[in-house]
């Protein structure tokens, strides 16, 4: 098979920007005056910092329908019955904002957190896939939660890192009615 274009080969990571409001008004807005060109949503105050690893994990369950033809079953229809999208990622900046998400903590003030006191918070995310080679991508998610996804390993021989996961939630209101799982922009 011939290569279509070597310009589509990609090496890079992601930057995550989160705001604790559903379908934030600037999520899809664009201009070049902010910290990350192309979006007023992607500001330093919304950044989750250095993301060590991440992956995009859609999960679709299909239901098949069969008809009887001369005593045998024949598949005549397949539909997607269950759709979920998660984005597991690992952060290595042990700042108050990230630890608050990891420990589901509420803020007590003066750099103090109360673990397991805050329910899951719904909000919006802009995921910028930054590449050294290949095209950048932006995934704008109108409604999601961020929750812990494993253990915070403390190792004296390596950098600490914490696993979190973004769960994309279905949102079909207003401008998102035709795109309830967000927008993946391949030309940011």
N, C-alpha and C. Protein backbone atom coordinates (compact mmCIF):
# COMPACT_ATOMS: atom_id res chain seq x y z
N UNK A 1 0.85 -1.18 0.00
CA UNK A 1 0.00 0.00 0.00
C UNK A 1 0.89 1.24 0.00
N UNK A 2 0.58 2.17 -0.82
CA UNK A 2 1.36 3.41 -0.92
C UNK A 2 0.98 4.37 0.21
N UNK A 3 1.92 5.20 0.60
CA UNK A 3 1.67 6.24 1.60
C UNK A 3 0.88 7.36 0.96
N UNK A 4 -0.17 7.80 1.64
CA UNK A 4 -0.97 8.92 1.13
C UNK A 4 -0.20 10.22 1.31
N UNK A 5 0.32 10.45 2.54
CA UNK A 5 1.10 11.65 2.81
C UNK A 5 1.91 11.46 4.08
N UNK A 6 3.20 11.65 4.00
CA UNK A 6 4.04 11.56 5.20
C UNK A 6 3.80 12.75 6.12
N UNK A 7 3.10 13.77 5.66
CA UNK A 7 2.78 14.92 6.52
C UNK A 7 1.77 14.56 7.60
N UNK A 8 1.12 13.39 7.50
CA UNK A 8 0.15 12.96 8.50
C UNK A 8 0.78 12.13 9.61
N UNK A 9 2.06 11.78 9.50
CA UNK A 9 2.74 11.09 10.59
C UNK A 9 2.86 12.07 11.74
N UNK A 10 2.67 11.60 12.99
CA UNK A 10 2.58 12.52 14.12
C UNK A 10 3.40 12.06 15.32
N UNK A 11 4.09 13.02 15.93
CA UNK A 11 4.78 12.82 17.21
C UNK A 11 4.43 14.03 18.07
N UNK A 12 3.98 13.80 19.29
CA UNK A 12 3.67 14.93 20.16
C UNK A 12 2.86 14.52 21.37
N UNK A 13 2.42 15.51 22.12
CA UNK A 13 1.65 15.28 23.33
C UNK A 13 0.46 16.21 23.38
N UNK A 14 -0.14 16.35 24.59
CA UNK A 14 -1.33 17.19 24.70
C UNK A 14 -1.20 18.23 25.81
N UNK A 15 -1.94 19.30 25.62
CA UNK A 15 -2.16 20.32 26.64
C UNK A 15 -3.65 20.28 26.95
N UNK A 16 -3.99 20.29 28.24
CA UNK A 16 -5.39 20.26 28.65
C UNK A 16 -5.75 21.56 29.37
N UNK A 17 -6.91 22.11 29.01
CA UNK A 17 -7.42 23.33 29.62
C UNK A 17 -8.84 23.04 30.10
N UNK A 18 -9.10 23.29 31.38
CA UNK A 18 -10.38 22.93 32.00
C UNK A 18 -11.01 24.16 32.64
N UNK A 19 -12.33 24.27 32.50
CA UNK A 19 -13.08 25.30 33.20
C UNK A 19 -14.30 24.63 33.83
N UNK A 20 -14.61 25.00 35.06
CA UNK A 20 -15.70 24.37 35.81
C UNK A 20 -17.07 24.93 35.41
N UNK A 21 -17.27 25.15 34.12
CA UNK A 21 -18.59 25.53 33.63
C UNK A 21 -18.90 24.68 32.40
N UNK A 22 -20.11 24.24 32.29
CA UNK A 22 -20.53 23.41 31.16
C UNK A 22 -20.69 24.29 29.92
N UNK A 23 -20.19 23.81 28.78
CA UNK A 23 -20.30 24.50 27.49
C UNK A 23 -19.87 25.96 27.60
N UNK A 24 -18.68 26.18 28.13
CA UNK A 24 -18.16 27.54 28.30
C UNK A 24 -18.30 28.32 27.00
N UNK A 25 -18.69 29.59 27.10
CA UNK A 25 -19.00 30.40 25.91
C UNK A 25 -17.81 30.60 24.97
N UNK A 26 -16.57 30.53 25.47
CA UNK A 26 -15.42 30.75 24.59
C UNK A 26 -14.77 29.45 24.12
N UNK A 27 -15.40 28.31 24.39
CA UNK A 27 -14.79 27.02 24.04
C UNK A 27 -14.50 26.89 22.55
N UNK A 28 -15.39 27.36 21.70
CA UNK A 28 -15.18 27.27 20.26
C UNK A 28 -14.74 28.59 19.63
N UNK A 29 -14.63 29.65 20.43
CA UNK A 29 -14.20 30.94 19.88
C UNK A 29 -12.72 30.90 19.53
N UNK A 30 -12.33 31.67 18.53
CA UNK A 30 -10.92 31.69 18.13
C UNK A 30 -10.41 33.12 17.95
N UNK A 31 -9.21 33.34 18.38
CA UNK A 31 -8.40 34.50 18.03
C UNK A 31 -6.99 34.22 18.51
N UNK A 32 -6.03 35.06 18.19
CA UNK A 32 -4.63 34.71 18.43
C UNK A 32 -3.95 35.51 19.54
N UNK A 33 -4.70 36.16 20.41
CA UNK A 33 -4.09 37.02 21.42
C UNK A 33 -3.83 36.33 22.75
N UNK A 34 -4.13 35.06 22.89
CA UNK A 34 -3.99 34.39 24.18
C UNK A 34 -2.71 33.58 24.27
N UNK A 35 -2.54 32.91 25.41
CA UNK A 35 -1.34 32.11 25.66
C UNK A 35 -1.13 31.06 24.58
N UNK A 36 -2.20 30.44 24.13
CA UNK A 36 -2.13 29.46 23.06
C UNK A 36 -2.90 30.02 21.88
N UNK A 37 -2.22 30.38 20.81
CA UNK A 37 -2.92 30.98 19.67
C UNK A 37 -4.11 30.14 19.23
N UNK A 38 -5.17 30.87 18.86
CA UNK A 38 -6.34 30.20 18.32
C UNK A 38 -7.52 30.08 19.27
N UNK A 39 -7.37 30.39 20.56
CA UNK A 39 -8.51 30.20 21.45
C UNK A 39 -8.42 31.07 22.69
N UNK A 40 -9.48 31.83 22.99
CA UNK A 40 -9.52 32.55 24.26
C UNK A 40 -9.79 31.61 25.44
N UNK A 41 -10.24 30.39 25.17
CA UNK A 41 -10.49 29.42 26.25
C UNK A 41 -9.18 28.91 26.85
N UNK A 42 -8.18 28.69 26.00
CA UNK A 42 -6.91 28.11 26.45
C UNK A 42 -6.03 29.20 27.07
N UNK A 43 -6.24 29.42 28.38
CA UNK A 43 -5.48 30.42 29.14
C UNK A 43 -4.68 29.71 30.22
N UNK A 44 -3.64 30.34 30.69
CA UNK A 44 -2.77 29.75 31.71
C UNK A 44 -3.55 29.30 32.94
N UNK A 45 -4.54 30.06 33.38
CA UNK A 45 -5.31 29.72 34.57
C UNK A 45 -6.17 28.47 34.43
N UNK A 46 -6.38 28.02 33.20
CA UNK A 46 -7.18 26.81 32.96
C UNK A 46 -6.31 25.60 32.63
N UNK A 47 -5.01 25.80 32.50
CA UNK A 47 -4.12 24.72 32.12
C UNK A 47 -3.95 23.71 33.25
N UNK A 48 -3.92 22.42 32.89
CA UNK A 48 -3.66 21.37 33.88
C UNK A 48 -2.17 21.08 33.98
N UNK A 49 -1.35 21.88 33.32
CA UNK A 49 0.10 21.73 33.43
C UNK A 49 0.65 20.65 32.53
N UNK A 50 1.81 20.14 32.91
CA UNK A 50 2.50 19.14 32.10
C UNK A 50 1.76 17.81 32.14
N UNK A 51 1.36 17.34 30.98
CA UNK A 51 0.70 16.04 30.86
C UNK A 51 1.73 15.06 30.32
N UNK A 52 2.03 14.03 31.10
CA UNK A 52 3.09 13.07 30.77
C UNK A 52 2.63 12.08 29.71
N UNK A 53 1.44 11.52 29.88
CA UNK A 53 0.87 10.59 28.92
C UNK A 53 -0.62 10.83 28.83
N UNK A 54 -1.19 10.46 27.71
CA UNK A 54 -2.65 10.56 27.54
C UNK A 54 -3.05 9.63 26.41
N UNK A 55 -4.30 9.25 26.43
CA UNK A 55 -4.83 8.45 25.33
C UNK A 55 -6.31 8.74 25.17
N UNK A 56 -6.79 8.53 23.97
CA UNK A 56 -8.19 8.73 23.65
C UNK A 56 -8.82 7.35 23.59
N UNK A 57 -9.86 7.10 24.38
CA UNK A 57 -10.41 5.75 24.50
C UNK A 57 -11.92 5.72 24.30
N UNK A 58 -12.38 5.69 23.02
CA UNK A 58 -13.81 5.53 22.79
C UNK A 58 -14.21 4.08 23.07
N UNK A 59 -15.40 3.88 23.59
CA UNK A 59 -15.91 2.55 23.87
C UNK A 59 -17.34 2.49 23.34
N UNK A 60 -17.53 1.65 22.35
CA UNK A 60 -18.84 1.53 21.73
C UNK A 60 -19.29 0.07 21.82
N UNK A 61 -20.51 -0.14 22.29
CA UNK A 61 -21.09 -1.47 22.33
C UNK A 61 -22.13 -1.55 21.22
N UNK A 62 -22.04 -2.59 20.44
CA UNK A 62 -22.95 -2.77 19.30
C UNK A 62 -23.98 -3.86 19.61
N UNK A 63 -25.17 -3.67 19.07
CA UNK A 63 -26.23 -4.67 19.16
C UNK A 63 -26.57 -5.10 17.74
N UNK A 64 -26.53 -6.40 17.52
CA UNK A 64 -26.82 -6.95 16.20
C UNK A 64 -28.26 -7.45 16.16
N UNK A 65 -28.88 -7.35 14.99
CA UNK A 65 -30.22 -7.90 14.77
C UNK A 65 -30.12 -8.96 13.69
N UNK A 66 -30.86 -10.03 13.88
CA UNK A 66 -30.83 -11.13 12.93
C UNK A 66 -32.24 -11.44 12.46
N UNK A 67 -32.36 -11.93 11.24
CA UNK A 67 -33.62 -12.41 10.71
C UNK A 67 -33.47 -13.91 10.40
N UNK A 68 -34.59 -14.61 10.39
CA UNK A 68 -34.57 -16.03 10.06
C UNK A 68 -34.80 -16.21 8.56
N UNK A 69 -33.87 -16.91 7.91
CA UNK A 69 -33.98 -17.19 6.49
C UNK A 69 -33.78 -18.69 6.30
N UNK A 70 -34.84 -19.38 5.96
CA UNK A 70 -34.80 -20.82 5.71
C UNK A 70 -34.15 -21.58 6.87
N UNK A 71 -34.54 -21.24 8.06
CA UNK A 71 -34.06 -21.94 9.24
C UNK A 71 -32.69 -21.49 9.75
N UNK A 72 -32.08 -20.51 9.11
CA UNK A 72 -30.77 -19.99 9.56
C UNK A 72 -30.90 -18.51 9.90
N UNK A 73 -30.03 -18.05 10.74
CA UNK A 73 -30.03 -16.63 11.13
C UNK A 73 -29.09 -15.84 10.23
N UNK A 74 -29.54 -14.67 9.82
CA UNK A 74 -28.73 -13.77 8.99
C UNK A 74 -28.76 -12.38 9.63
N UNK A 75 -27.59 -11.80 9.80
CA UNK A 75 -27.52 -10.45 10.39
C UNK A 75 -27.98 -9.44 9.35
N UNK A 76 -28.95 -8.59 9.76
CA UNK A 76 -29.45 -7.58 8.83
C UNK A 76 -29.31 -6.15 9.35
N UNK A 77 -28.82 -6.00 10.59
CA UNK A 77 -28.69 -4.64 11.14
C UNK A 77 -27.74 -4.66 12.33
N UNK A 78 -26.92 -3.63 12.43
CA UNK A 78 -26.05 -3.41 13.59
C UNK A 78 -26.18 -1.95 13.99
N UNK A 79 -26.39 -1.70 15.28
CA UNK A 79 -26.47 -0.32 15.77
C UNK A 79 -25.56 -0.17 16.99
N UNK A 80 -25.09 1.04 17.16
CA UNK A 80 -24.31 1.37 18.36
C UNK A 80 -25.29 1.61 19.49
N UNK A 81 -25.22 0.81 20.52
CA UNK A 81 -26.18 0.86 21.62
C UNK A 81 -25.66 1.65 22.81
N UNK A 82 -24.36 1.62 23.05
CA UNK A 82 -23.74 2.30 24.19
C UNK A 82 -22.49 3.00 23.70
N UNK A 83 -22.39 4.30 23.97
CA UNK A 83 -21.24 5.08 23.52
C UNK A 83 -20.66 5.82 24.71
N UNK A 84 -19.38 5.64 24.95
CA UNK A 84 -18.67 6.41 25.96
C UNK A 84 -17.31 6.81 25.42
N UNK A 85 -16.83 7.94 25.89
CA UNK A 85 -15.50 8.41 25.51
C UNK A 85 -14.77 8.79 26.80
N UNK A 86 -13.60 8.24 27.00
CA UNK A 86 -12.76 8.64 28.12
C UNK A 86 -11.38 9.02 27.60
N UNK A 87 -10.72 9.87 28.37
CA UNK A 87 -9.36 10.30 28.03
C UNK A 87 -8.52 10.14 29.30
N UNK A 88 -7.92 8.97 29.50
CA UNK A 88 -7.02 8.80 30.65
C UNK A 88 -5.74 9.60 30.41
N UNK A 89 -5.25 10.27 31.46
CA UNK A 89 -4.01 11.02 31.32
C UNK A 89 -3.27 11.03 32.65
N UNK A 90 -1.99 11.36 32.58
CA UNK A 90 -1.14 11.41 33.76
C UNK A 90 -0.50 12.79 33.86
N UNK A 91 -0.61 13.41 35.01
CA UNK A 91 0.01 14.71 35.24
C UNK A 91 1.21 14.53 36.17
N UNK A 92 2.16 15.45 36.10
CA UNK A 92 3.29 15.37 37.03
C UNK A 92 3.56 16.68 37.76
N UNK A 93 2.61 17.60 37.68
CA UNK A 93 2.71 18.85 38.45
C UNK A 93 1.82 18.72 39.67
N UNK A 94 2.43 18.59 40.82
CA UNK A 94 1.69 18.39 42.06
C UNK A 94 1.24 19.73 42.64
N UNK A 95 0.48 20.48 41.84
CA UNK A 95 -0.02 21.77 42.31
C UNK A 95 -1.39 21.61 42.94
N UNK A 96 -1.87 22.65 43.57
CA UNK A 96 -3.13 22.58 44.30
C UNK A 96 -4.30 22.22 43.39
N UNK A 97 -4.35 22.78 42.17
CA UNK A 97 -5.47 22.50 41.26
C UNK A 97 -5.52 21.02 40.88
N UNK A 98 -4.38 20.43 40.55
CA UNK A 98 -4.37 19.02 40.15
C UNK A 98 -4.62 18.09 41.34
N UNK A 99 -4.05 18.41 42.49
CA UNK A 99 -4.28 17.58 43.68
C UNK A 99 -5.74 17.67 44.14
N UNK A 100 -6.34 18.82 43.95
CA UNK A 100 -7.76 18.98 44.29
C UNK A 100 -8.61 18.03 43.46
N UNK A 101 -8.30 17.91 42.15
CA UNK A 101 -9.04 16.99 41.29
C UNK A 101 -8.75 15.54 41.67
N UNK A 102 -7.49 15.23 41.95
CA UNK A 102 -7.12 13.85 42.27
C UNK A 102 -7.76 13.38 43.57
N UNK A 103 -7.77 14.23 44.60
CA UNK A 103 -8.31 13.85 45.90
C UNK A 103 -9.78 14.21 46.08
N UNK A 104 -10.45 14.69 45.00
CA UNK A 104 -11.84 15.15 45.08
C UNK A 104 -12.00 16.06 46.30
N UNK A 105 -11.11 17.00 46.39
CA UNK A 105 -11.00 17.84 47.59
C UNK A 105 -11.72 19.17 47.43
N UNK A 106 -12.11 19.72 48.56
CA UNK A 106 -12.60 21.09 48.60
C UNK A 106 -11.45 21.96 49.12
N UNK A 107 -11.53 23.24 48.81
CA UNK A 107 -10.47 24.16 49.21
C UNK A 107 -10.79 24.75 50.58
N UNK A 108 -9.82 24.67 51.49
CA UNK A 108 -9.97 25.24 52.83
C UNK A 108 -9.32 26.61 52.92
N UNK A 109 -8.51 26.97 51.94
CA UNK A 109 -7.77 28.23 51.95
C UNK A 109 -6.37 28.01 52.50
N UNK A 110 -5.49 28.99 52.31
CA UNK A 110 -4.11 28.93 52.79
C UNK A 110 -3.41 27.63 52.36
N UNK A 111 -3.58 27.26 51.08
CA UNK A 111 -2.94 26.06 50.52
C UNK A 111 -3.32 24.76 51.23
N UNK A 112 -4.54 24.70 51.72
CA UNK A 112 -5.02 23.49 52.40
C UNK A 112 -6.24 22.95 51.67
N UNK A 113 -6.31 21.61 51.57
CA UNK A 113 -7.41 20.93 50.91
C UNK A 113 -8.05 19.93 51.85
N UNK A 114 -9.34 19.68 51.70
CA UNK A 114 -10.06 18.66 52.47
C UNK A 114 -10.38 17.51 51.52
N UNK A 115 -9.59 16.41 51.55
CA UNK A 115 -9.81 15.29 50.63
C UNK A 115 -11.19 14.66 50.77
N UNK A 116 -11.70 14.16 49.64
CA UNK A 116 -12.96 13.43 49.54
C UNK A 116 -14.17 14.24 50.00
N UNK A 117 -14.10 15.55 49.92
CA UNK A 117 -15.18 16.43 50.35
C UNK A 117 -15.92 17.09 49.19
N UNK A 118 -15.43 16.89 47.97
CA UNK A 118 -16.01 17.58 46.83
C UNK A 118 -16.55 16.56 45.83
N UNK A 119 -17.83 16.64 45.47
CA UNK A 119 -18.34 15.70 44.46
C UNK A 119 -17.70 16.00 43.11
N UNK A 120 -17.89 15.10 42.19
CA UNK A 120 -17.34 15.31 40.85
C UNK A 120 -17.91 16.59 40.25
N UNK A 121 -17.03 17.37 39.67
CA UNK A 121 -17.39 18.68 39.13
C UNK A 121 -17.49 18.58 37.61
N UNK A 122 -18.59 19.04 37.05
CA UNK A 122 -18.75 19.04 35.61
C UNK A 122 -18.20 20.34 35.04
N UNK A 123 -17.63 20.25 33.84
CA UNK A 123 -17.06 21.43 33.21
C UNK A 123 -16.79 21.20 31.74
N UNK A 124 -15.97 22.09 31.16
CA UNK A 124 -15.59 22.05 29.75
C UNK A 124 -14.09 21.85 29.62
N UNK A 125 -13.67 21.25 28.50
CA UNK A 125 -12.24 21.02 28.26
C UNK A 125 -11.89 21.36 26.83
N UNK A 126 -10.73 21.96 26.66
CA UNK A 126 -10.11 22.08 25.35
C UNK A 126 -8.82 21.27 25.42
N UNK A 127 -8.73 20.25 24.56
CA UNK A 127 -7.55 19.40 24.50
C UNK A 127 -6.79 19.75 23.23
N UNK A 128 -5.63 20.35 23.41
CA UNK A 128 -4.78 20.72 22.28
C UNK A 128 -3.74 19.63 22.10
N UNK A 129 -3.79 18.95 20.97
CA UNK A 129 -2.79 17.94 20.65
C UNK A 129 -1.70 18.65 19.88
N UNK A 130 -0.61 18.92 20.60
CA UNK A 130 0.53 19.65 20.04
C UNK A 130 1.52 18.65 19.46
N UNK A 131 1.92 18.89 18.23
CA UNK A 131 2.82 17.95 17.60
C UNK A 131 4.12 18.60 17.16
N UNK A 132 5.20 17.85 17.29
CA UNK A 132 6.49 18.28 16.73
C UNK A 132 6.51 17.98 15.24
N UNK A 133 5.87 16.88 14.89
CA UNK A 133 5.78 16.45 13.50
C UNK A 133 4.33 16.09 13.26
N UNK A 134 3.76 16.60 12.19
CA UNK A 134 2.37 16.30 11.87
C UNK A 134 1.44 17.42 12.26
N UNK A 135 0.17 17.27 11.92
CA UNK A 135 -0.81 18.33 12.18
C UNK A 135 -1.28 18.35 13.64
N UNK A 136 -1.45 19.55 14.19
CA UNK A 136 -2.05 19.70 15.51
C UNK A 136 -3.55 19.43 15.41
N UNK A 137 -4.15 19.05 16.54
CA UNK A 137 -5.58 18.82 16.63
C UNK A 137 -6.11 19.53 17.86
N UNK A 138 -7.38 19.89 17.87
CA UNK A 138 -8.03 20.43 19.05
C UNK A 138 -9.34 19.68 19.25
N UNK A 139 -9.53 19.16 20.46
CA UNK A 139 -10.80 18.50 20.81
C UNK A 139 -11.47 19.38 21.85
N UNK A 140 -12.60 19.98 21.48
CA UNK A 140 -13.38 20.84 22.37
C UNK A 140 -14.54 20.02 22.94
N UNK A 141 -14.57 19.91 24.26
CA UNK A 141 -15.55 19.07 24.95
C UNK A 141 -16.45 19.95 25.81
N UNK A 142 -17.76 20.01 25.48
CA UNK A 142 -18.64 20.93 26.22
C UNK A 142 -19.00 20.47 27.62
N UNK A 143 -19.03 19.15 27.87
CA UNK A 143 -19.42 18.67 29.19
C UNK A 143 -18.61 17.42 29.53
N UNK A 144 -17.99 17.44 30.70
CA UNK A 144 -17.18 16.30 31.13
C UNK A 144 -16.96 16.38 32.64
N UNK A 145 -16.38 15.31 33.17
CA UNK A 145 -15.88 15.32 34.54
C UNK A 145 -14.43 14.86 34.49
N UNK A 146 -13.68 15.25 35.50
CA UNK A 146 -12.32 14.74 35.68
C UNK A 146 -12.32 14.03 37.03
N UNK A 147 -11.86 12.78 37.02
CA UNK A 147 -11.85 12.01 38.27
C UNK A 147 -10.54 11.24 38.38
N UNK A 148 -10.20 10.79 39.60
CA UNK A 148 -9.00 9.97 39.79
C UNK A 148 -9.11 8.67 39.01
N UNK A 149 -7.96 8.15 38.58
CA UNK A 149 -7.96 6.93 37.78
C UNK A 149 -6.79 6.03 38.17
N UNK A 150 -6.63 5.81 39.45
CA UNK A 150 -5.54 4.95 39.91
C UNK A 150 -4.83 5.55 41.11
N UNK A 151 -3.59 5.14 41.29
CA UNK A 151 -2.82 5.51 42.47
C UNK A 151 -1.83 6.64 42.18
N UNK A 152 -1.58 7.44 43.19
CA UNK A 152 -0.55 8.45 43.13
C UNK A 152 0.73 7.80 43.66
N UNK A 153 1.58 7.36 42.75
CA UNK A 153 2.79 6.63 43.14
C UNK A 153 3.85 7.59 43.64
N UNK A 154 4.38 7.32 44.82
CA UNK A 154 5.45 8.13 45.41
C UNK A 154 6.74 7.33 45.36
N UNK A 155 7.65 7.79 44.57
CA UNK A 155 8.87 7.05 44.28
C UNK A 155 10.06 7.98 44.46
N UNK A 156 11.01 7.62 45.29
CA UNK A 156 12.16 8.51 45.52
C UNK A 156 13.15 8.49 44.37
N UNK A 157 12.97 7.59 43.41
CA UNK A 157 13.90 7.50 42.29
C UNK A 157 13.32 8.04 40.99
N UNK A 158 12.12 8.59 41.03
CA UNK A 158 11.52 9.10 39.81
C UNK A 158 10.56 10.24 40.17
N UNK A 159 10.12 10.98 39.16
CA UNK A 159 9.16 12.05 39.37
C UNK A 159 7.82 11.47 39.78
N UNK A 160 7.14 12.12 40.69
CA UNK A 160 5.79 11.71 41.05
C UNK A 160 4.87 12.00 39.86
N UNK A 161 3.85 11.19 39.70
CA UNK A 161 2.85 11.45 38.68
C UNK A 161 1.51 10.88 39.15
N UNK A 162 0.45 11.51 38.71
CA UNK A 162 -0.89 11.11 39.13
C UNK A 162 -1.79 10.83 37.95
N UNK A 163 -2.55 9.74 37.99
CA UNK A 163 -3.46 9.42 36.90
C UNK A 163 -4.87 10.00 37.13
N UNK A 164 -5.36 10.68 36.13
CA UNK A 164 -6.73 11.18 36.13
C UNK A 164 -7.39 10.71 34.84
N UNK A 165 -8.69 10.82 34.77
CA UNK A 165 -9.39 10.48 33.53
C UNK A 165 -10.49 11.51 33.30
N UNK A 166 -10.61 11.91 32.05
CA UNK A 166 -11.71 12.76 31.62
C UNK A 166 -12.80 11.84 31.10
N UNK A 167 -14.00 11.99 31.61
CA UNK A 167 -15.14 11.27 31.07
C UNK A 167 -15.99 12.29 30.31
N UNK A 168 -16.08 12.10 29.00
CA UNK A 168 -16.87 12.99 28.16
C UNK A 168 -18.34 12.64 28.36
N UNK A 169 -19.14 13.64 28.69
CA UNK A 169 -20.57 13.44 28.94
C UNK A 169 -21.39 13.97 27.77
N UNK A 170 -22.47 13.32 27.48
CA UNK A 170 -23.37 13.70 26.39
C UNK A 170 -24.01 15.05 26.73
N UNK A 171 -23.94 15.99 25.77
CA UNK A 171 -24.52 17.32 25.98
C UNK A 171 -25.10 17.81 24.66
N UNK A 172 -26.41 17.87 24.54
CA UNK A 172 -27.04 18.23 23.27
C UNK A 172 -27.89 19.49 23.38
N UNK A 173 -27.35 20.51 24.00
CA UNK A 173 -28.06 21.76 24.22
C UNK A 173 -27.44 22.88 23.39
N UNK A 174 -28.28 23.79 22.89
CA UNK A 174 -27.80 24.97 22.16
C UNK A 174 -26.95 24.61 20.96
N UNK A 175 -25.80 25.29 20.83
CA UNK A 175 -24.93 25.07 19.68
C UNK A 175 -24.33 23.66 19.64
N UNK A 176 -24.47 22.91 20.74
CA UNK A 176 -23.92 21.56 20.81
C UNK A 176 -24.95 20.49 20.44
N UNK A 177 -26.16 20.89 20.04
CA UNK A 177 -27.23 19.93 19.76
C UNK A 177 -26.83 18.89 18.71
N UNK A 178 -26.10 19.30 17.69
CA UNK A 178 -25.71 18.36 16.63
C UNK A 178 -24.33 17.73 16.87
N UNK A 179 -23.69 18.10 17.97
CA UNK A 179 -22.36 17.57 18.29
C UNK A 179 -22.23 17.35 19.80
N UNK A 180 -23.03 16.42 20.36
CA UNK A 180 -23.12 16.27 21.82
C UNK A 180 -21.86 15.75 22.51
N UNK A 181 -20.90 15.23 21.75
CA UNK A 181 -19.64 14.79 22.35
C UNK A 181 -18.49 15.74 22.02
N UNK A 182 -18.83 16.93 21.48
CA UNK A 182 -17.83 17.94 21.21
C UNK A 182 -17.42 18.01 19.76
N UNK A 183 -16.32 18.72 19.52
CA UNK A 183 -15.82 18.95 18.17
C UNK A 183 -14.33 18.63 18.13
N UNK A 184 -13.94 17.81 17.17
CA UNK A 184 -12.54 17.51 16.92
C UNK A 184 -12.12 18.29 15.69
N UNK A 185 -11.27 19.29 15.89
CA UNK A 185 -10.83 20.18 14.82
C UNK A 185 -9.46 19.73 14.34
N UNK A 186 -9.39 19.33 13.08
CA UNK A 186 -8.11 18.84 12.53
C UNK A 186 -7.32 19.93 11.84
N UNK A 187 -7.83 21.17 11.88
CA UNK A 187 -7.09 22.31 11.29
C UNK A 187 -7.12 23.50 12.22
N UNK A 188 -6.56 23.39 13.44
CA UNK A 188 -6.63 24.52 14.38
C UNK A 188 -5.76 25.68 13.95
